[in-house]
Amino acid sequence: MKDYMKIYEEWLSNPYFDEKTKEELRAIAGNENEIKERFYMDLEFGTAGLRGIIGAGINRMNIYVVRRATQGLANYIIKQGGADKGVAIAFDSRHMSPEFAEEAALTLAANGIKAYKFESLRPTPELSFAVRELGCIAGINITASHNPPEYNGYKVYWEDGAQFTPPHDKGVTEEVLAIEDLSTVKTTTVEEAVKAGKYQIIGAEIDDKYIAQVKAQVVNQDAIDKMQDSIKIVYTPLHGTGNIPVRRALKEIGFTHVTVVPEQELPDGDFPTVSYPNPESKEAFELGLKLAKEQDADLVLATDPDADRLGVYVKDTKSGEYIPLTGNMSGSLLCEYVLSQKKARNLIPADGQVVKSIVSTNLIDEVAKAYGVELVEVLTGFKWIGQQILKNERTGKGTYLFGMEESYGCLIGTYARDKDAVSATVALCEAAAYYKTKNMTLWDAMIDMYEKYGYCIDAVKSIGLSGIEGLAKIQSIMDYLRNNTPAEIGGYKVVSARDYKLDTIKDMATGKVKPTGLPSSNVLYYDMEGGVWVCVRPSGTEPKIKFYYGVKGTSLEDGQKKSEELGDAVMAMVDKLM
């Protein structure tokens, strides 16, 4: 642990730190616990770069921490010989996002690296696209995705357009940690940066190319043309970046009845209509569902603030109710739709691949099998799906067709290397149009899938454990489970146990061990009888430990009952460890 009081005093006395920052820090004088929380450690790089509460301190998001991260990135880029390629920068609607983006651009420029900064807020997938389109060595995205309003974050992308993976993540992190004195970080003014040719504002030209790529993923334009006037769509950007690109893409492919939830249309870092802007949350849909019922809409869609994740409710015409689709459900539905349409046109290559994260539904495995394509499993975090696309390109083996993770993210096509809710919105509306030509709703299509492949019902429970004590508790839970593999969970016998940190898969009956074949990660996974599974992992972006689980039922009711019972058993197991 760092000498937090010494660093606190340094921030108060050093002329490098601005007066506003010092005022904020003087206000917590005498509150040792608050000082400790802000200064006991550096804000860490997780699966998505930096993410933390906005405020003064080394364990908070502020201009100094952003400059330091950018200086580390610049040092690494220079060592990699990539300084002449430039870095693309995007930001979302959160508090301080424009300021953090500007600071990052100026630190890059001061290091002789050109910054291409978007003129205003843009979705995460467009940043991923821009990195490759502009031939950049890296990208920076200022966003905290779906976290509460007090958070912001800093995601780093590498030249392939995906969030950075080894060795680059470790390389950049080492460079950042090597900077102990924040006042040594380079910066400059906008005027100087422009004069040096190291600062360029980007916008409309990239927008046009990005939207063209989103539209290029449409497989069945005929279905849209037939049903464009009879499909009613309600959409909410949840005060984030999705509003303009989603509406534009839907309009340009032909959908005429798209209504945006007016109270949630405009960017607002306070996210005033929700406690936190997460499309996984029922609360995020309250206003959208109210509007959908008034308009008798076919589907209700919500993108998170940086528009990489999509939540959806679909109308069941039999009951008249709107039914939520989990990320596993919408991902599976889209995978089935995309592959079925490609198969109908003989567009599935012999080396076709579907890629999913290890915590995603086994329903995807069944879909891939049915269409004769390879299923590739990767670690949690969409960057690993991006890495698989890069691997295919480098080896010339494997054609990426679809990728998804359970946390409401998927990608069709390879124009971007991160999940894309703009494209997913377009694809779901296209699918709704196609199924409507068959007199089916998206819910009908979902039930058809379950009937065809089995009722794979998946869920996740998480426990929030923040602060120093929380981190220690998360670690102790992982340590205990790592050293004491349960024989059964919820009455289901554990058949094999995977430990991704130790790179082992142990057959519980024979004791035989084989490697996982994936990079090291602090994740435990239990395969159980009857297609049941449980996975435990600390979140890389929030102070939580997550328990993912899946069952296979004979009907929707049976699957949901089994899922609830397994969820209760998992929590009972955890309670004993708390």
Foldseek 3Di string as FASTA:
>chain_A
DDPLVVVLVCLLPDPLHDPVQNVQSVVCPPVVVVSCQQEVDAQDQFLFGGKAFDGDHRNHDDLLVLLLLLLLLLVLCVVVVQQAQAEEEAEKLAPCGVVSSQSSLFLSLQSNHAYAYEPHHAFLQLNLLVLQVSQHQKYWYWALWFDALRMIGIGIGGSLSFTDDPPSVVSSRVSSVVPPDSSVRDGDDPVVSVVSVRYHYDYDVSLVVVLVVLLVLQLCLVLCVVCLAPAAEEEAALLARQQVLLVVSSVVSRRDHYHYLVVRRHHDSNSVQDRIQALQDPSNCPSVVVVCLVVVHQKYWYATRSQQFIWIWGADVVVRDTHTAFLLLLQLLLLLVQLVSCVVVVNADQAEEEEEEPLHFCLNVQSCVVSNYHYHYAHPHLSRVLVVCVVCVVVVGYDYAKYGYRSRFIDGDSSHSGGGNSSSSNSQSSVQSVVVVVVDGSVRSSQVSCQVRFAKDKDKDKDAQDDPVLVVLLVQVLVVCVVPPDQDFLPWGFQWKAAQQVQWIAGPVPRDIDGPPYHHFSKMKTQTPQRKIWIWHQDRSHSMIMIMIIHTAPHNVRRVVSNVSRVVRVVVVVVVSD
